[in-house]
Amino acid sequence: MDYFEGLIKTLLEHDGYWVKQSFKVNLTKQEKRDIGKHSIPRPEVDILAFKQEKNEIIAFEAKSHLDSPGVKLSEL
């Protein structure tokens, strides 16, 4: 998966984004309880991209389905 994430990172950087891979999200115990998952480990965002000119942040969960036709919009 690192190769796939690296490809996405390269494309975003080429488009002017600052990119961080494997961004760990710090949640308090209360925040974990609030989302109904009190015992989860630190969640991780695969790719976090920021573009200052647009004041835009994009979070990606990258999945590679090499043996799949992909995910259809109707399935989301």
PDB file of N, CA and C in Angstrom:
ATOM      1  N   MET A   1       0.823  -1.192   0.000  1.00  0.00           N
ATOM      2  CA  MET A   1       0.000   0.000   0.000  1.00  0.00           C
ATOM      3  C   MET A   1       0.868   1.257   0.000  1.00  0.00           C
ATOM      4  N   ASP A   2       2.078   1.171   0.545  1.00  0.00           N
ATOM      5  CA  ASP A   2       2.940   2.347   0.585  1.00  0.00           C
ATOM      6  C   ASP A   2       3.233   2.886  -0.811  1.00  0.00           C
ATOM      7  N   TYR A   3       3.359   1.984  -1.797  1.00  0.00           N
ATOM      8  CA  TYR A   3       3.628   2.434  -3.161  1.00  0.00           C
ATOM      9  C   TYR A   3       2.439   3.235  -3.691  1.00  0.00           C
ATOM     10  N   PHE A   4       1.233   2.726  -3.467  1.00  0.00           N
ATOM     11  CA  PHE A   4       0.019   3.407  -3.924  1.00  0.00           C
ATOM     12  C   PHE A   4      -0.115   4.773  -3.247  1.00  0.00           C
ATOM     13  N   GLU A   5       0.105   4.819  -1.938  1.00  0.00           N
ATOM     14  CA  GLU A   5       0.049   6.088  -1.210  1.00  0.00           C
ATOM     15  C   GLU A   5       1.132   7.041  -1.705  1.00  0.00           C
ATOM     16  N   GLY A   6       2.308   6.509  -1.997  1.00  0.00           N
ATOM     17  CA  GLY A   6       3.395   7.335  -2.515  1.00  0.00           C
ATOM     18  C   GLY A   6       3.049   7.957  -3.858  1.00  0.00           C
ATOM     19  N   LEU A   7       2.351   7.202  -4.684  1.00  0.00           N
ATOM     20  CA  LEU A   7       1.910   7.716  -5.979  1.00  0.00           C
ATOM     21  C   LEU A   7       0.921   8.867  -5.798  1.00  0.00           C
ATOM     22  N   ILE A   8      -0.036   8.680  -4.897  1.00  0.00           N
ATOM     23  CA  ILE A   8      -1.009   9.741  -4.610  1.00  0.00           C
ATOM     24  C   ILE A   8      -0.293  10.973  -4.061  1.00  0.00           C
ATOM     25  N   LYS A   9       0.658  10.755  -3.147  1.00  0.00           N
ATOM     26  CA  LYS A   9       1.429  11.854  -2.556  1.00  0.00           C
ATOM     27  C   LYS A   9       2.164  12.643  -3.634  1.00  0.00           C
ATOM     28  N   THR A  10       2.803  11.940  -4.558  1.00  0.00           N
ATOM     29  CA  THR A  10       3.540  12.596  -5.645  1.00  0.00           C
ATOM     30  C   THR A  10       2.615  13.445  -6.505  1.00  0.00           C
ATOM     31  N   LEU A  11       1.458  12.913  -6.854  1.00  0.00           N
ATOM     32  CA  LEU A  11       0.500  13.658  -7.679  1.00  0.00           C
ATOM     33  C   LEU A  11      -0.004  14.909  -6.966  1.00  0.00           C
ATOM     34  N   LEU A  12      -0.297  14.786  -5.673  1.00  0.00           N
ATOM     35  CA  LEU A  12      -0.771  15.942  -4.906  1.00  0.00           C
ATOM     36  C   LEU A  12       0.322  17.004  -4.773  1.00  0.00           C
ATOM     37  N   GLU A  13       1.548  16.576  -4.501  1.00  0.00           N
ATOM     38  CA  GLU A  13       2.653  17.532  -4.392  1.00  0.00           C
ATOM     39  C   GLU A  13       2.872  18.249  -5.719  1.00  0.00           C
ATOM     40  N   HIS A  14       2.740  17.541  -6.810  1.00  0.00           N
ATOM     41  CA  HIS A  14       2.879  18.148  -8.140  1.00  0.00           C
ATOM     42  C   HIS A  14       1.803  19.206  -8.359  1.00  0.00           C
ATOM     43  N   ASP A  15       0.644  19.014  -7.716  1.00  0.00           N
ATOM     44  CA  ASP A  15      -0.463  19.963  -7.834  1.00  0.00           C
ATOM     45  C   ASP A  15      -0.381  21.081  -6.790  1.00  0.00           C
ATOM     46  N   GLY A  16       0.703  21.134  -6.021  1.00  0.00           N
ATOM     47  CA  GLY A  16       0.919  22.240  -5.095  1.00  0.00           C
ATOM     48  C   GLY A  16       0.472  22.007  -3.667  1.00  0.00           C
ATOM     49  N   TYR A  17       0.183  20.768  -3.302  1.00  0.00           N
ATOM     50  CA  TYR A  17      -0.238  20.456  -1.933  1.00  0.00           C
ATOM     51  C   TYR A  17       0.965  20.111  -1.069  1.00  0.00           C
ATOM     52  N   TRP A  18       0.881  20.462   0.209  1.00  0.00           N
ATOM     53  CA  TRP A  18       1.795  19.952   1.220  1.00  0.00           C
ATOM     54  C   TRP A  18       1.163  18.647   1.674  1.00  0.00           C
ATOM     55  N   VAL A  19       1.934  17.559   1.715  1.00  0.00           N
ATOM     56  CA  VAL A  19       1.357  16.240   1.970  1.00  0.00           C
ATOM     57  C   VAL A  19       2.078  15.541   3.117  1.00  0.00           C
ATOM     58  N   LYS A  20       1.290  14.936   3.995  1.00  0.00           N
ATOM     59  CA  LYS A  20       1.815  14.134   5.106  1.00  0.00           C
ATOM     60  C   LYS A  20       1.182  12.751   5.017  1.00  0.00           C
ATOM     61  N   GLN A  21       2.014  11.715   4.990  1.00  0.00           N
ATOM     62  CA  GLN A  21       1.519  10.341   4.979  1.00  0.00           C
ATOM     63  C   GLN A  21       1.455   9.796   6.396  1.00  0.00           C
ATOM     64  N   SER A  22       0.526   8.872   6.630  1.00  0.00           N
ATOM     65  CA  SER A  22       0.389   8.163   7.907  1.00  0.00           C
ATOM     66  C   SER A  22       0.265   9.131   9.080  1.00  0.00           C
ATOM     67  N   PHE A  23      -0.680  10.047   8.978  1.00  0.00           N
ATOM     68  CA  PHE A  23      -0.889  11.061  10.013  1.00  0.00           C
ATOM     69  C   PHE A  23      -1.681  10.460  11.168  1.00  0.00           C
ATOM     70  N   LYS A  24      -1.067  10.398  12.343  1.00  0.00           N
ATOM     71  CA  LYS A  24      -1.723   9.853  13.537  1.00  0.00           C
ATOM     72  C   LYS A  24      -2.623  10.916  14.161  1.00  0.00           C
ATOM     73  N   VAL A  25      -3.832  10.516  14.497  1.00  0.00           N
ATOM     74  CA  VAL A  25      -4.812  11.422  15.090  1.00  0.00           C
ATOM     75  C   VAL A  25      -4.858  11.167  16.593  1.00  0.00           C
ATOM     76  N   ASN A  26      -4.602  12.199  17.367  1.00  0.00           N
ATOM     77  CA  ASN A  26      -4.661  12.076  18.819  1.00  0.00           C
ATOM     78  C   ASN A  26      -6.077  12.358  19.296  1.00  0.00           C
ATOM     79  N   LEU A  27      -6.704  11.349  19.883  1.00  0.00           N
ATOM     80  CA  LEU A  27      -8.040  11.504  20.448  1.00  0.00           C
ATOM     81  C   LEU A  27      -7.964  11.307  21.951  1.00  0.00           C
ATOM     82  N   THR A  28      -8.714  12.117  22.668  1.00  0.00           N
ATOM     83  CA  THR A  28      -8.798  11.935  24.114  1.00  0.00           C
ATOM     84  C   THR A  28      -9.722  10.754  24.402  1.00  0.00           C
ATOM     85  N   LYS A  29      -9.682  10.267  25.636  1.00  0.00           N
ATOM     86  CA  LYS A  29     -10.586   9.178  26.026  1.00  0.00           C
ATOM     87  C   LYS A  29     -12.038   9.595  25.844  1.00  0.00           C
ATOM     88  N   GLN A  30     -12.333  10.847  26.156  1.00  0.00           N
ATOM     89  CA  GLN A  30     -13.705  11.334  26.000  1.00  0.00           C
ATOM     90  C   GLN A  30     -14.119  11.363  24.529  1.00  0.00           C
ATOM     91  N   GLU A  31     -13.226  11.795  23.651  1.00  0.00           N
ATOM     92  CA  GLU A  31     -13.541  11.819  22.216  1.00  0.00           C
ATOM     93  C   GLU A  31     -13.777  10.408  21.686  1.00  0.00           C
ATOM     94  N   LYS A  32     -13.009   9.439  22.169  1.00  0.00           N
ATOM     95  CA  LYS A  32     -13.224   8.049  21.767  1.00  0.00           C
ATOM     96  C   LYS A  32     -14.585   7.559  22.239  1.00  0.00           C
ATOM     97  N   ARG A  33     -14.958   7.911  23.455  1.00  0.00           N
ATOM     98  CA  ARG A  33     -16.288   7.536  23.961  1.00  0.00           C
ATOM     99  C   ARG A  33     -17.385   8.204  23.148  1.00  0.00           C
ATOM    100  N   ASP A  34     -17.156   9.470  22.786  1.00  0.00           N
ATOM    101  CA  ASP A  34     -18.161  10.218  22.015  1.00  0.00           C
ATOM    102  C   ASP A  34     -18.454   9.582  20.660  1.00  0.00           C
ATOM    103  N   ILE A  35     -17.449   8.946  20.053  1.00  0.00           N
ATOM    104  CA  ILE A  35     -17.680   8.303  18.756  1.00  0.00           C
ATOM    105  C   ILE A  35     -18.027   6.823  18.911  1.00  0.00           C
ATOM    106  N   GLY A  36     -18.152   6.380  20.160  1.00  0.00           N
ATOM    107  CA  GLY A  36     -18.576   5.007  20.420  1.00  0.00           C
ATOM    108  C   GLY A  36     -17.492   3.957  20.264  1.00  0.00           C
ATOM    109  N   LYS A  37     -16.234   4.371  20.316  1.00  0.00           N
ATOM    110  CA  LYS A  37     -15.118   3.425  20.162  1.00  0.00           C
ATOM    111  C   LYS A  37     -14.080   3.711  21.238  1.00  0.00           C
ATOM    112  N   HIS A  38     -14.432   3.388  22.474  1.00  0.00           N
ATOM    113  CA  HIS A  38     -13.601   3.774  23.613  1.00  0.00           C
ATOM    114  C   HIS A  38     -12.267   3.048  23.699  1.00  0.00           C
ATOM    115  N   SER A  39     -12.093   1.938  22.978  1.00  0.00           N
ATOM    116  CA  SER A  39     -10.842   1.188  23.123  1.00  0.00           C
ATOM    117  C   SER A  39     -10.010   1.124  21.839  1.00  0.00           C
ATOM    118  N   ILE A  40     -10.280   1.998  20.870  1.00  0.00           N
ATOM    119  CA  ILE A  40      -9.514   1.948  19.626  1.00  0.00           C
ATOM    120  C   ILE A  40      -8.101   2.501  19.832  1.00  0.00           C
ATOM    121  N   PRO A  41      -7.128   1.976  19.082  1.00  0.00           N
ATOM    122  CA  PRO A  41      -5.793   2.589  19.117  1.00  0.00           C
ATOM    123  C   PRO A  41      -5.841   3.926  18.379  1.00  0.00           C
ATOM    124  N   ARG A  42      -4.729   4.622  18.359  1.00  0.00           N
ATOM    125  CA  ARG A  42      -4.697   5.917  17.661  1.00  0.00           C
ATOM    126  C   ARG A  42      -5.063   5.740  16.197  1.00  0.00           C
ATOM    127  N   PRO A  43      -6.124   6.405  15.741  1.00  0.00           N
ATOM    128  CA  PRO A  43      -6.476   6.314  14.322  1.00  0.00           C
ATOM    129  C   PRO A  43      -5.407   6.981  13.461  1.00  0.00           C
ATOM    130  N   GLU A  44      -5.358   6.562  12.201  1.00  0.00           N
ATOM    131  CA  GLU A  44      -4.366   7.093  11.278  1.00  0.00           C
ATOM    132  C   GLU A  44      -5.036   7.467   9.961  1.00  0.00           C
ATOM    133  N   VAL A  45      -4.724   8.660   9.467  1.00  0.00           N
ATOM    134  CA  VAL A  45      -5.176   9.106   8.154  1.00  0.00           C
ATOM    135  C   VAL A  45      -4.056   8.756   7.181  1.00  0.00           C
ATOM    136  N   ASP A  46      -4.384   8.013   6.120  1.00  0.00           N
ATOM    137  CA  ASP A  46      -3.345   7.580   5.177  1.00  0.00           C
ATOM    138  C   ASP A  46      -2.605   8.764   4.572  1.00  0.00           C
ATOM    139  N   ILE A  47      -3.355   9.732   4.064  1.00  0.00           N
ATOM    140  CA  ILE A  47      -2.744  10.906   3.431  1.00  0.00           C
ATOM    141  C   ILE A  47      -3.521  12.145   3.841  1.00  0.00           C
ATOM    142  N   LEU A  48      -2.799  13.150   4.308  1.00  0.00           N
ATOM    143  CA  LEU A  48      -3.379  14.437   4.664  1.00  0.00           C
ATOM    144  C   LEU A  48      -2.724  15.477   3.767  1.00  0.00           C
ATOM    145  N   ALA A  49      -3.545  16.208   3.008  1.00  0.00           N
ATOM    146  CA  ALA A  49      -3.014  17.181   2.043  1.00  0.00           C
ATOM    147  C   ALA A  49      -3.559  18.569   2.350  1.00  0.00           C
ATOM    148  N   PHE A  50      -2.684  19.574   2.250  1.00  0.00           N
ATOM    149  CA  PHE A  50      -3.064  20.961   2.525  1.00  0.00           C
ATOM    150  C   PHE A  50      -2.574  21.848   1.390  1.00  0.00           C
ATOM    151  N   LYS A  51      -3.469  22.717   0.921  1.00  0.00           N
ATOM    152  CA  LYS A  51      -3.102  23.696  -0.106  1.00  0.00           C
ATOM    153  C   LYS A  51      -3.459  25.070   0.433  1.00  0.00           C
ATOM    154  N   GLN A  52      -2.432  25.860   0.756  1.00  0.00           N
ATOM    155  CA  GLN A  52      -2.625  27.147   1.406  1.00  0.00           C
ATOM    156  C   GLN A  52      -3.405  28.124   0.538  1.00  0.00           C
ATOM    157  N   GLU A  53      -3.132  28.146  -0.764  1.00  0.00           N
ATOM    158  CA  GLU A  53      -3.806  29.108  -1.643  1.00  0.00           C
ATOM    159  C   GLU A  53      -5.322  28.941  -1.622  1.00  0.00           C
ATOM    160  N   LYS A  54      -5.775  27.725  -1.435  1.00  0.00           N
ATOM    161  CA  LYS A  54      -7.216  27.440  -1.403  1.00  0.00           C
ATOM    162  C   LYS A  54      -7.744  27.327   0.024  1.00  0.00           C
ATOM    163  N   ASN A  55      -6.835  27.345   1.011  1.00  0.00           N
ATOM    164  CA  ASN A  55      -7.189  27.092   2.402  1.00  0.00           C
ATOM    165  C   ASN A  55      -7.979  25.784   2.492  1.00  0.00           C
ATOM    166  N   GLU A  56      -7.395  24.731   1.901  1.00  0.00           N
ATOM    167  CA  GLU A  56      -8.080  23.454   1.718  1.00  0.00           C
ATOM    168  C   GLU A  56      -7.285  22.323   2.355  1.00  0.00           C
ATOM    169  N   ILE A  57      -7.983  21.482   3.097  1.00  0.00           N
ATOM    170  CA  ILE A  57      -7.395  20.275   3.668  1.00  0.00           C
ATOM    171  C   ILE A  57      -8.189  19.085   3.142  1.00  0.00           C
ATOM    172  N   ILE A  58      -7.465  18.070   2.670  1.00  0.00           N
ATOM    173  CA  ILE A  58      -8.102  16.855   2.173  1.00  0.00           C
ATOM    174  C   ILE A  58      -7.501  15.670   2.921  1.00  0.00           C
ATOM    175  N   ALA A  59      -8.359  14.788   3.422  1.00  0.00           N
ATOM    176  CA  ALA A  59      -7.914  13.570   4.089  1.00  0.00           C
ATOM    177  C   ALA A  59      -8.273  12.378   3.205  1.00  0.00           C
ATOM    178  N   PHE A  60      -7.299  11.487   2.989  1.00  0.00           N
ATOM    179  CA  PHE A  60      -7.495  10.319   2.131  1.00  0.00           C
ATOM    180  C   PHE A  60      -7.318   9.032   2.920  1.00  0.00           C
ATOM    181  N   GLU A  61      -8.176   8.088   2.670  1.00  0.00           N
ATOM    182  CA  GLU A  61      -7.997   6.707   3.101  1.00  0.00           C
ATOM    183  C   GLU A  61      -7.759   5.934   1.813  1.00  0.00           C
ATOM    184  N   ALA A  62      -6.527   5.550   1.556  1.00  0.00           N
ATOM    185  CA  ALA A  62      -6.158   4.933   0.275  1.00  0.00           C
ATOM    186  C   ALA A  62      -6.382   3.429   0.318  1.00  0.00           C
ATOM    187  N   LYS A  63      -7.077   2.933  -0.681  1.00  0.00           N
ATOM    188  CA  LYS A  63      -7.312   1.497  -0.831  1.00  0.00           C
ATOM    189  C   LYS A  63      -6.940   1.099  -2.245  1.00  0.00           C
ATOM    190  N   SER A  64      -6.283  -0.013  -2.370  1.00  0.00           N
ATOM    191  CA  SER A  64      -5.933  -0.536  -3.684  1.00  0.00           C
ATOM    192  C   SER A  64      -6.645  -1.869  -3.863  1.00  0.00           C
ATOM    193  N   HIS A  65      -7.541  -1.916  -4.814  1.00  0.00           N
ATOM    194  CA  HIS A  65      -8.290  -3.138  -5.110  1.00  0.00           C
ATOM    195  C   HIS A  65      -7.809  -3.658  -6.461  1.00  0.00           C
ATOM    196  N   LEU A  66      -6.662  -4.302  -6.470  1.00  0.00           N
ATOM    197  CA  LEU A  66      -6.045  -4.726  -7.725  1.00  0.00           C
ATOM    198  C   LEU A  66      -6.876  -5.767  -8.468  1.00  0.00           C
ATOM    199  N   ASP A  67      -7.634  -6.577  -7.738  1.00  0.00           N
ATOM    200  CA  ASP A  67      -8.443  -7.607  -8.385  1.00  0.00           C
ATOM    201  C   ASP A  67      -9.921  -7.225  -8.423  1.00  0.00           C
ATOM    202  N   SER A  68     -10.197  -5.937  -8.377  1.00  0.00           N
ATOM    203  CA  SER A  68     -11.571  -5.457  -8.308  1.00  0.00           C
ATOM    204  C   SER A  68     -11.807  -4.387  -9.368  1.00  0.00           C
ATOM    205  N   PRO A  69     -13.050  -4.281  -9.882  1.00  0.00           N
ATOM    206  CA  PRO A  69     -13.351  -3.198 -10.820  1.00  0.00           C
ATOM    207  C   PRO A  69     -13.471  -1.842 -10.128  1.00  0.00           C
ATOM    208  N   GLY A  70     -13.400  -1.845  -8.803  1.00  0.00           N
ATOM    209  CA  GLY A  70     -13.479  -0.587  -8.065  1.00  0.00           C
ATOM    210  C   GLY A  70     -14.759  -0.467  -7.265  1.00  0.00           C
ATOM    211  N   VAL A  71     -14.910   0.656  -6.612  1.00  0.00           N
ATOM    212  CA  VAL A  71     -16.085   0.928  -5.798  1.00  0.00           C
ATOM    213  C   VAL A  71     -16.986   1.865  -6.579  1.00  0.00           C
ATOM    214  N   LYS A  72     -18.217   1.470  -6.727  1.00  0.00           N
ATOM    215  CA  LYS A  72     -19.180   2.293  -7.455  1.00  0.00           C
ATOM    216  C   LYS A  72     -19.777   3.341  -6.528  1.00  0.00           C
ATOM    217  N   LEU A  73     -20.124   4.491  -7.076  1.00  0.00           N
ATOM    218  CA  LEU A  73     -20.705   5.569  -6.285  1.00  0.00           C
ATOM    219  C   LEU A  73     -21.948   5.086  -5.548  1.00  0.00           C
ATOM    220  N   SER A  74     -22.745   4.250  -6.170  1.00  0.00           N
ATOM    221  CA  SER A  74     -23.979   3.753  -5.544  1.00  0.00           C
ATOM    222  C   SER A  74     -23.707   2.871  -4.328  1.00  0.00           C
ATOM    223  N   GLU A  75     -22.477   2.380  -4.184  1.00  0.00           N
ATOM    224  CA  GLU A  75     -22.114   1.527  -3.059  1.00  0.00           C
ATOM    225  C   GLU A  75     -21.612   2.314  -1.856  1.00  0.00           C
ATOM    226  N   LEU A  76     -21.432   3.604  -2.008  1.00  0.00           N
ATOM    227  CA  LEU A  76     -20.914   4.420  -0.906  1.00  0.00           C
ATOM    228  C   LEU A  76     -22.009   4.828   0.030  1.00  0.00           C
TER     229      LEU A  76
END
